[in-house]
Amino acid sequence: MTIDGEAYDPFSAETLKVLPATHPSLRHQIIEASRRKYSIPADAAKKLIAEEEAGIFRSAQEKAAIAGKTGEAAPAAGQNPEPLI
């Protein structure tokens, strides 16, 4: 392969040499600032999720899917499910 009259190996598969950064990385400071601004403690998040889950009305089919059964309603709280024999 020639470029401007000079012969070169085609597709040499060499990457460009990457120069080191000219400034210090602020990656960790940015992540920490984002966590301080936008996150909440895990316990608080679990509580919010539980509150949202409690307010959702589901059909028997959806409850069965959540319980890991298909076609059957999940047992109500305090009831024992029927044996699968």
Protein backbone atom coordinates (compact mmCIF):
# COMPACT_ATOMS: atom_id res chain seq x y z
CA MET A 1 0.00 0.00 0.00
CA THR A 2 1.33 3.44 -0.81
CA ILE A 3 0.47 6.75 0.74
CA ASP A 4 1.85 9.87 -0.90
CA GLY A 5 4.30 7.70 -2.84
CA GLU A 6 5.69 5.90 0.24
CA ALA A 7 5.18 2.16 0.79
CA TYR A 8 3.45 1.07 4.01
CA ASP A 9 2.27 -2.28 5.29
CA PRO A 10 -1.52 -2.37 4.92
CA PHE A 11 -3.46 -2.84 8.12
CA SER A 12 -0.49 -3.07 10.44
CA ALA A 13 -2.85 -3.62 13.41
CA GLU A 14 -0.85 -1.26 15.55
CA THR A 15 -2.69 1.05 17.89
CA LEU A 16 -1.84 4.65 18.43
CA LYS A 17 0.32 5.37 21.40
CA VAL A 18 -1.89 6.97 24.04
CA LEU A 19 -0.34 9.85 25.89
CA PRO A 20 -0.75 10.02 29.64
CA ALA A 21 -3.34 12.45 30.98
CA THR A 22 -2.04 15.98 31.47
CA HIS A 23 -4.23 16.52 34.55
CA PRO A 24 -5.08 14.51 37.66
CA SER A 25 -8.16 12.30 37.54
CA LEU A 26 -11.17 13.55 39.49
CA ARG A 27 -13.11 10.30 38.98
CA HIS A 28 -13.34 9.34 42.67
CA GLN A 29 -14.29 12.84 43.78
CA ILE A 30 -17.03 12.99 41.13
CA ILE A 31 -18.43 9.61 42.18
CA GLU A 32 -18.45 10.58 45.85
CA ALA A 33 -20.12 13.94 45.14
CA SER A 34 -22.78 12.18 43.07
CA ARG A 35 -23.43 9.66 45.84
CA ARG A 36 -23.76 12.42 48.44
CA LYS A 37 -26.19 14.36 46.26
CA TYR A 38 -28.36 11.61 44.74
CA SER A 39 -28.23 8.49 46.94
CA ILE A 40 -29.93 7.40 50.14
CA PRO A 41 -28.90 4.73 52.67
CA ALA A 42 -29.74 1.13 51.70
CA ASP A 43 -32.10 0.69 54.67
CA ALA A 44 -34.11 3.75 53.63
CA ALA A 45 -34.28 2.47 50.03
CA LYS A 46 -35.50 -0.95 51.21
CA LYS A 47 -38.18 0.74 53.33
CA LEU A 48 -39.38 2.84 50.37
CA ILE A 49 -39.52 -0.24 48.14
CA ALA A 50 -41.49 -2.18 50.77
CA GLU A 51 -43.95 0.72 51.10
CA GLU A 52 -44.44 0.84 47.31
CA GLU A 53 -44.90 -2.94 47.15
CA ALA A 54 -47.55 -2.81 49.90
CA GLY A 55 -49.61 -0.34 47.89
CA ILE A 56 -49.71 -2.37 44.68
CA PHE A 57 -52.90 -4.29 43.90
CA ARG A 58 -52.13 -7.53 42.05
CA SER A 59 -54.28 -10.16 40.38
CA ALA A 60 -54.20 -13.76 41.56
CA GLN A 61 -52.15 -14.65 38.49
CA GLU A 62 -49.52 -12.02 39.32
CA LYS A 63 -49.38 -13.17 42.95
CA ALA A 64 -48.88 -16.75 41.78
CA ALA A 65 -46.03 -15.71 39.50
CA ILE A 66 -44.35 -13.88 42.39
CA ALA A 67 -44.84 -16.89 44.66
CA GLY A 68 -43.19 -19.10 42.04
CA LYS A 69 -46.31 -21.04 41.11
CA THR A 70 -48.14 -20.90 37.82
CA GLY A 71 -51.87 -20.79 37.53
CA GLU A 72 -52.51 -20.79 41.28
CA ALA A 73 -53.06 -17.88 43.61
CA ALA A 74 -50.46 -17.29 46.29
CA PRO A 75 -51.69 -18.28 49.75
CA ALA A 76 -52.97 -15.43 51.89
CA ALA A 77 -50.86 -14.34 54.85
CA GLY A 78 -51.09 -16.88 57.67
CA GLN A 79 -52.51 -19.69 55.49
CA ASN A 80 -50.61 -22.85 54.65
CA PRO A 81 -50.53 -23.76 50.96
CA GLU A 82 -52.08 -27.05 49.88
CA PRO A 83 -49.63 -29.91 49.27
CA LEU A 84 -48.72 -30.50 45.64
CA ILE A 85 -49.31 -34.29 45.75
